[in-house]
Amino acid sequence: MKRLTGEWVAKAEGDFRTMEREARVRRDPNYDDVCFHAQQCAEKYLKGRLYEAGIRFAKTHDLKALLSLALAAEPLWEAHRADLIFLNEFSVELRYPGKSANREKAAEARARCRAFRKSARSAFGLKP
């Protein structure tokens, strides 16, 4: 694994751990953060895979665009298109007033992130 790929993976794992911790909070959980970090985890795994494969990508948070590029290296990731489209809505808009996540959205974001993360880690030869 290339050094910078490893950094992308480490950042993705940081977002994953933050998502998991916040999802377990019993008192006053921040569902927006669960969703945001789920999206960020997926984004960083996509960017790491693109970097590892030598595929150039723009500075973007758009998981659909990143997936379209990543399919050249990981065609089976097409199975995660619906997951990534769902997570895509939590990249920026959720960070500002006007939109908020609830418990159900957070649980779904967490499940979809976990599913994609499992495939991403497998692609890097890492344990799920």
N, C-alpha and C. Protein backbone atom coordinates (compact mmCIF):
# COMPACT_ATOMS: atom_id res chain seq x y z
N MET A 1 0.85 -1.17 0.00
CA MET A 1 0.00 0.00 0.00
C MET A 1 0.90 1.24 0.00
N LYS A 2 0.56 2.19 -0.84
CA LYS A 2 1.31 3.44 -0.89
C LYS A 2 1.13 4.22 0.42
N ARG A 3 2.14 5.00 0.76
CA ARG A 3 2.10 5.76 2.01
C ARG A 3 0.87 6.65 2.11
N LEU A 4 0.56 7.41 1.08
CA LEU A 4 -0.59 8.31 1.12
C LEU A 4 -1.91 7.53 1.15
N THR A 5 -1.93 6.37 0.51
CA THR A 5 -3.12 5.51 0.61
C THR A 5 -3.35 5.13 2.07
N GLY A 6 -2.28 4.77 2.75
CA GLY A 6 -2.37 4.43 4.16
C GLY A 6 -2.90 5.59 4.99
N GLU A 7 -2.55 6.80 4.62
CA GLU A 7 -3.08 7.97 5.33
C GLU A 7 -4.57 8.14 5.07
N TRP A 8 -5.01 7.90 3.83
CA TRP A 8 -6.45 7.96 3.53
C TRP A 8 -7.19 6.93 4.38
N VAL A 9 -6.65 5.72 4.45
CA VAL A 9 -7.29 4.65 5.22
C VAL A 9 -7.33 5.04 6.71
N ALA A 10 -6.24 5.58 7.22
CA ALA A 10 -6.21 5.99 8.63
C ALA A 10 -7.25 7.07 8.90
N LYS A 11 -7.39 8.02 8.01
CA LYS A 11 -8.40 9.08 8.17
C LYS A 11 -9.81 8.49 8.11
N ALA A 12 -10.01 7.54 7.20
CA ALA A 12 -11.32 6.88 7.09
C ALA A 12 -11.65 6.16 8.39
N GLU A 13 -10.66 5.49 8.96
CA GLU A 13 -10.87 4.77 10.21
C GLU A 13 -11.14 5.72 11.37
N GLY A 14 -10.51 6.89 11.35
CA GLY A 14 -10.81 7.89 12.37
C GLY A 14 -12.26 8.32 12.31
N ASP A 15 -12.76 8.55 11.10
CA ASP A 15 -14.18 8.90 10.94
C ASP A 15 -15.07 7.75 11.36
N PHE A 16 -14.66 6.53 11.04
CA PHE A 16 -15.45 5.36 11.43
C PHE A 16 -15.56 5.26 12.96
N ARG A 17 -14.43 5.42 13.63
CA ARG A 17 -14.44 5.35 15.11
C ARG A 17 -15.30 6.46 15.71
N THR A 18 -15.22 7.66 15.14
CA THR A 18 -16.03 8.77 15.65
C THR A 18 -17.50 8.47 15.45
N MET A 19 -17.86 7.95 14.28
CA MET A 19 -19.25 7.57 14.01
C MET A 19 -19.73 6.54 15.02
N GLU A 20 -18.92 5.52 15.25
CA GLU A 20 -19.29 4.45 16.17
C GLU A 20 -19.45 4.96 17.60
N ARG A 21 -18.53 5.80 18.03
CA ARG A 21 -18.62 6.35 19.40
C ARG A 21 -19.88 7.17 19.57
N GLU A 22 -20.14 8.07 18.63
CA GLU A 22 -21.31 8.94 18.75
C GLU A 22 -22.61 8.15 18.66
N ALA A 23 -22.60 7.08 17.89
CA ALA A 23 -23.80 6.25 17.76
C ALA A 23 -24.13 5.53 19.06
N ARG A 24 -23.15 5.34 19.92
CA ARG A 24 -23.38 4.65 21.18
C ARG A 24 -23.74 5.58 22.34
N VAL A 25 -23.68 6.88 22.11
CA VAL A 25 -24.00 7.84 23.17
C VAL A 25 -25.46 7.69 23.57
N ARG A 26 -25.70 7.59 24.85
CA ARG A 26 -27.08 7.42 25.34
C ARG A 26 -27.75 8.77 25.62
N ARG A 27 -26.97 9.72 26.10
CA ARG A 27 -27.53 11.00 26.48
C ARG A 27 -27.15 12.07 25.44
N ASP A 28 -28.15 12.63 24.81
CA ASP A 28 -27.99 13.72 23.85
C ASP A 28 -27.07 13.37 22.67
N PRO A 29 -27.34 12.28 21.97
CA PRO A 29 -26.50 11.91 20.82
C PRO A 29 -26.63 12.95 19.70
N ASN A 30 -25.56 13.09 18.95
CA ASN A 30 -25.55 14.01 17.81
C ASN A 30 -25.71 13.18 16.54
N TYR A 31 -26.94 13.02 16.10
CA TYR A 31 -27.22 12.19 14.92
C TYR A 31 -26.61 12.80 13.66
N ASP A 32 -26.53 14.13 13.60
CA ASP A 32 -25.88 14.77 12.46
C ASP A 32 -24.44 14.28 12.32
N ASP A 33 -23.73 14.19 13.45
CA ASP A 33 -22.34 13.76 13.40
C ASP A 33 -22.20 12.29 13.01
N VAL A 34 -23.12 11.46 13.45
CA VAL A 34 -23.09 10.05 13.03
C VAL A 34 -23.16 9.98 11.51
N CYS A 35 -24.10 10.70 10.93
CA CYS A 35 -24.28 10.69 9.47
C CYS A 35 -23.10 11.32 8.75
N PHE A 36 -22.61 12.45 9.26
CA PHE A 36 -21.48 13.13 8.64
C PHE A 36 -20.25 12.23 8.61
N HIS A 37 -19.93 11.61 9.74
CA HIS A 37 -18.73 10.78 9.78
C HIS A 37 -18.90 9.48 8.99
N ALA A 38 -20.12 9.00 8.85
CA ALA A 38 -20.37 7.85 7.97
C ALA A 38 -20.03 8.22 6.53
N GLN A 39 -20.48 9.40 6.10
CA GLN A 39 -20.19 9.88 4.75
C GLN A 39 -18.69 10.08 4.58
N GLN A 40 -18.06 10.70 5.58
CA GLN A 40 -16.63 10.97 5.48
C GLN A 40 -15.80 9.70 5.42
N CYS A 41 -16.19 8.69 6.16
CA CYS A 41 -15.49 7.40 6.12
C CYS A 41 -15.53 6.83 4.70
N ALA A 42 -16.72 6.80 4.11
CA ALA A 42 -16.85 6.27 2.75
C ALA A 42 -16.05 7.11 1.76
N GLU A 43 -16.13 8.42 1.89
CA GLU A 43 -15.39 9.31 0.98
C GLU A 43 -13.89 9.03 1.02
N LYS A 44 -13.35 8.88 2.21
CA LYS A 44 -11.91 8.69 2.34
C LYS A 44 -11.48 7.31 1.85
N TYR A 45 -12.31 6.30 2.04
CA TYR A 45 -11.97 4.99 1.46
C TYR A 45 -11.99 5.05 -0.06
N LEU A 46 -12.96 5.75 -0.63
CA LEU A 46 -13.01 5.90 -2.08
C LEU A 46 -11.76 6.63 -2.59
N LYS A 47 -11.40 7.71 -1.94
CA LYS A 47 -10.22 8.48 -2.37
C LYS A 47 -8.95 7.68 -2.19
N GLY A 48 -8.87 6.91 -1.12
CA GLY A 48 -7.71 6.06 -0.93
C GLY A 48 -7.56 5.02 -2.03
N ARG A 49 -8.68 4.43 -2.42
CA ARG A 49 -8.63 3.41 -3.49
C ARG A 49 -8.26 4.04 -4.82
N LEU A 50 -8.80 5.23 -5.08
CA LEU A 50 -8.45 5.94 -6.30
C LEU A 50 -6.96 6.28 -6.33
N TYR A 51 -6.46 6.78 -5.22
CA TYR A 51 -5.04 7.12 -5.15
C TYR A 51 -4.18 5.87 -5.37
N GLU A 52 -4.54 4.79 -4.70
CA GLU A 52 -3.78 3.55 -4.83
C GLU A 52 -3.74 3.06 -6.27
N ALA A 53 -4.86 3.24 -6.99
CA ALA A 53 -4.95 2.79 -8.38
C ALA A 53 -4.37 3.80 -9.38
N GLY A 54 -3.94 4.96 -8.88
CA GLY A 54 -3.39 5.98 -9.78
C GLY A 54 -4.45 6.69 -10.59
N ILE A 55 -5.66 6.72 -10.09
CA ILE A 55 -6.77 7.39 -10.79
C ILE A 55 -6.93 8.78 -10.20
N ARG A 56 -6.80 9.78 -11.04
CA ARG A 56 -6.91 11.17 -10.59
C ARG A 56 -8.36 11.50 -10.25
N PHE A 57 -8.53 12.34 -9.25
CA PHE A 57 -9.88 12.76 -8.86
C PHE A 57 -9.84 14.21 -8.41
N ALA A 58 -10.96 14.87 -8.60
CA ALA A 58 -11.10 16.27 -8.22
C ALA A 58 -11.32 16.38 -6.72
N LYS A 59 -11.13 17.57 -6.21
CA LYS A 59 -11.45 17.84 -4.81
C LYS A 59 -12.96 17.93 -4.71
N THR A 60 -13.57 16.87 -4.18
CA THR A 60 -15.03 16.79 -4.14
C THR A 60 -15.46 15.94 -2.95
N HIS A 61 -16.69 16.15 -2.54
CA HIS A 61 -17.30 15.30 -1.51
C HIS A 61 -18.36 14.39 -2.13
N ASP A 62 -18.51 14.44 -3.45
CA ASP A 62 -19.56 13.72 -4.16
C ASP A 62 -19.21 12.23 -4.29
N LEU A 63 -19.87 11.43 -3.46
CA LEU A 63 -19.58 9.99 -3.47
C LEU A 63 -19.96 9.33 -4.79
N LYS A 64 -21.00 9.85 -5.44
CA LYS A 64 -21.40 9.27 -6.73
C LYS A 64 -20.30 9.46 -7.76
N ALA A 65 -19.73 10.65 -7.81
CA ALA A 65 -18.65 10.92 -8.77
C ALA A 65 -17.42 10.09 -8.44
N LEU A 66 -17.08 9.99 -7.17
CA LEU A 66 -15.91 9.20 -6.77
C LEU A 66 -16.13 7.72 -7.08
N LEU A 67 -17.34 7.22 -6.83
CA LEU A 67 -17.64 5.82 -7.15
C LEU A 67 -17.49 5.58 -8.64
N SER A 68 -18.00 6.47 -9.46
CA SER A 68 -17.90 6.30 -10.92
C SER A 68 -16.45 6.12 -11.35
N LEU A 69 -15.55 6.87 -10.73
CA LEU A 69 -14.12 6.73 -11.05
C LEU A 69 -13.56 5.42 -10.49
N ALA A 70 -13.95 5.08 -9.27
CA ALA A 70 -13.40 3.91 -8.60
C ALA A 70 -13.81 2.59 -9.26
N LEU A 71 -14.90 2.60 -9.99
CA LEU A 71 -15.37 1.37 -10.61
C LEU A 71 -14.36 0.79 -11.59
N ALA A 72 -13.47 1.63 -12.12
CA ALA A 72 -12.42 1.13 -13.02
C ALA A 72 -11.49 0.17 -12.27
N ALA A 73 -11.28 0.42 -10.98
CA ALA A 73 -10.41 -0.43 -10.17
C ALA A 73 -11.19 -1.47 -9.37
N GLU A 74 -12.42 -1.12 -9.00
CA GLU A 74 -13.24 -1.98 -8.15
C GLU A 74 -14.66 -2.10 -8.72
N PRO A 75 -14.84 -2.82 -9.82
CA PRO A 75 -16.16 -2.89 -10.45
C PRO A 75 -17.25 -3.46 -9.54
N LEU A 76 -16.90 -4.29 -8.58
CA LEU A 76 -17.90 -4.87 -7.69
C LEU A 76 -18.48 -3.83 -6.72
N TRP A 77 -17.84 -2.69 -6.61
CA TRP A 77 -18.37 -1.63 -5.74
C TRP A 77 -19.65 -1.03 -6.28
N GLU A 78 -20.01 -1.37 -7.50
CA GLU A 78 -21.30 -0.93 -8.04
C GLU A 78 -22.44 -1.37 -7.12
N ALA A 79 -22.25 -2.47 -6.44
CA ALA A 79 -23.27 -2.98 -5.51
C ALA A 79 -23.52 -2.00 -4.36
N HIS A 80 -22.62 -1.07 -4.14
CA HIS A 80 -22.76 -0.09 -3.06
C HIS A 80 -23.29 1.27 -3.53
N ARG A 81 -23.70 1.34 -4.77
CA ARG A 81 -24.16 2.63 -5.31
C ARG A 81 -25.29 3.21 -4.45
N ALA A 82 -26.29 2.43 -4.11
CA ALA A 82 -27.42 2.94 -3.31
C ALA A 82 -26.94 3.40 -1.93
N ASP A 83 -26.01 2.67 -1.34
CA ASP A 83 -25.47 3.06 -0.03
C ASP A 83 -24.77 4.41 -0.13
N LEU A 84 -23.95 4.57 -1.15
CA LEU A 84 -23.18 5.80 -1.30
C LEU A 84 -24.08 6.98 -1.67
N ILE A 85 -25.11 6.74 -2.46
CA ILE A 85 -26.06 7.80 -2.78
C ILE A 85 -26.76 8.26 -1.50
N PHE A 86 -27.14 7.31 -0.66
CA PHE A 86 -27.77 7.66 0.62
C PHE A 86 -26.82 8.50 1.47
N LEU A 87 -25.58 8.07 1.59
CA LEU A 87 -24.60 8.78 2.42
C LEU A 87 -24.22 10.14 1.85
N ASN A 88 -24.35 10.28 0.55
CA ASN A 88 -23.93 11.50 -0.14
C ASN A 88 -24.61 12.75 0.42
N GLU A 89 -25.83 12.61 0.86
CA GLU A 89 -26.57 13.79 1.33
C GLU A 89 -26.02 14.36 2.64
N PHE A 90 -25.12 13.64 3.29
CA PHE A 90 -24.62 14.09 4.59
C PHE A 90 -23.25 14.77 4.52
N SER A 91 -22.78 15.06 3.32
CA SER A 91 -21.43 15.61 3.20
C SER A 91 -21.31 17.05 3.66
N VAL A 92 -22.20 17.90 3.22
CA VAL A 92 -22.08 19.32 3.53
C VAL A 92 -23.36 19.90 4.10
N GLU A 93 -24.47 19.66 3.43
CA GLU A 93 -25.73 20.30 3.80
C GLU A 93 -26.10 20.08 5.26
N LEU A 94 -25.80 18.92 5.78
CA LEU A 94 -26.16 18.57 7.15
C LEU A 94 -25.38 19.38 8.18
N ARG A 95 -24.30 20.01 7.76
CA ARG A 95 -23.46 20.77 8.67
C ARG A 95 -24.01 22.17 8.93
N TYR A 96 -25.09 22.53 8.24
CA TYR A 96 -25.66 23.87 8.35
C TYR A 96 -27.12 23.80 8.77
N PRO A 97 -27.65 24.91 9.27
CA PRO A 97 -29.08 24.93 9.65
C PRO A 97 -29.98 24.58 8.46
N GLY A 98 -31.12 24.01 8.79
CA GLY A 98 -32.10 23.67 7.75
C GLY A 98 -32.27 22.19 7.55
N LYS A 99 -31.27 21.41 7.89
CA LYS A 99 -31.35 19.95 7.79
C LYS A 99 -30.80 19.34 9.05
N SER A 100 -31.44 18.28 9.50
CA SER A 100 -30.98 17.55 10.68
C SER A 100 -31.28 16.07 10.49
N ALA A 101 -30.46 15.25 11.09
CA ALA A 101 -30.68 13.81 11.05
C ALA A 101 -31.43 13.38 12.31
N ASN A 102 -32.11 12.27 12.20
CA ASN A 102 -32.78 11.70 13.37
C ASN A 102 -32.15 10.32 13.65
N ARG A 103 -32.67 9.66 14.66
CA ARG A 103 -32.12 8.36 15.05
C ARG A 103 -32.17 7.35 13.90
N GLU A 104 -33.27 7.33 13.17
CA GLU A 104 -33.44 6.36 12.08
C GLU A 104 -32.43 6.62 10.96
N LYS A 105 -32.26 7.88 10.58
CA LYS A 105 -31.29 8.22 9.53
C LYS A 105 -29.88 7.85 9.97
N ALA A 106 -29.57 8.14 11.23
CA ALA A 106 -28.24 7.83 11.74
C ALA A 106 -27.99 6.32 11.74
N ALA A 107 -28.98 5.55 12.14
CA ALA A 107 -28.82 4.09 12.14
C ALA A 107 -28.62 3.57 10.72
N GLU A 108 -29.36 4.12 9.78
CA GLU A 108 -29.21 3.68 8.39
C GLU A 108 -27.86 4.11 7.82
N ALA A 109 -27.44 5.33 8.12
CA ALA A 109 -26.13 5.79 7.65
C ALA A 109 -25.02 4.91 8.19
N ARG A 110 -25.13 4.56 9.45
CA ARG A 110 -24.14 3.71 10.10
C ARG A 110 -24.09 2.33 9.44
N ALA A 111 -25.24 1.74 9.18
CA ALA A 111 -25.30 0.42 8.55
C ALA A 111 -24.72 0.46 7.13
N ARG A 112 -25.06 1.50 6.39
CA ARG A 112 -24.55 1.60 5.01
C ARG A 112 -23.05 1.86 4.99
N CYS A 113 -22.58 2.67 5.92
CA CYS A 113 -21.15 2.92 6.02
C CYS A 113 -20.41 1.62 6.36
N ARG A 114 -20.93 0.88 7.31
CA ARG A 114 -20.30 -0.39 7.69
C ARG A 114 -20.21 -1.35 6.51
N ALA A 115 -21.26 -1.41 5.71
CA ALA A 115 -21.27 -2.31 4.55
C ALA A 115 -20.20 -1.91 3.55
N PHE A 116 -20.12 -0.62 3.24
CA PHE A 116 -19.12 -0.17 2.27
C PHE A 116 -17.71 -0.33 2.84
N ARG A 117 -17.53 0.00 4.11
CA ARG A 117 -16.22 -0.12 4.74
C ARG A 117 -15.71 -1.55 4.66
N LYS A 118 -16.58 -2.51 4.85
CA LYS A 118 -16.18 -3.92 4.78
C LYS A 118 -15.60 -4.24 3.39
N SER A 119 -16.26 -3.79 2.34
CA SER A 119 -15.77 -4.02 0.97
C SER A 119 -14.47 -3.25 0.72
N ALA A 120 -14.42 -2.03 1.23
CA ALA A 120 -13.22 -1.22 1.01
C ALA A 120 -12.01 -1.85 1.70
N ARG A 121 -12.18 -2.25 2.94
CA ARG A 121 -11.06 -2.87 3.66
C ARG A 121 -10.62 -4.16 2.99
N SER A 122 -11.58 -4.91 2.48
CA SER A 122 -11.25 -6.14 1.76
C SER A 122 -10.41 -5.84 0.52
N ALA A 123 -10.77 -4.76 -0.18
CA ALA A 123 -10.03 -4.38 -1.39
C ALA A 123 -8.57 -4.04 -1.06
N PHE A 124 -8.33 -3.54 0.13
CA PHE A 124 -6.97 -3.22 0.56
C PHE A 124 -6.28 -4.39 1.26
N GLY A 125 -6.98 -5.52 1.36
CA GLY A 125 -6.39 -6.67 2.02
C GLY A 125 -6.34 -6.52 3.54
N LEU A 126 -7.25 -5.71 4.07
CA LEU A 126 -7.31 -5.46 5.51
C LEU A 126 -8.46 -6.25 6.14
N LYS A 127 -8.34 -6.54 7.41
CA LYS A 127 -9.41 -7.24 8.12
C LYS A 127 -10.62 -6.32 8.21
N PRO A 128 -11.82 -6.90 8.12
CA PRO A 128 -13.03 -6.07 8.23
C PRO A 128 -13.13 -5.47 9.59
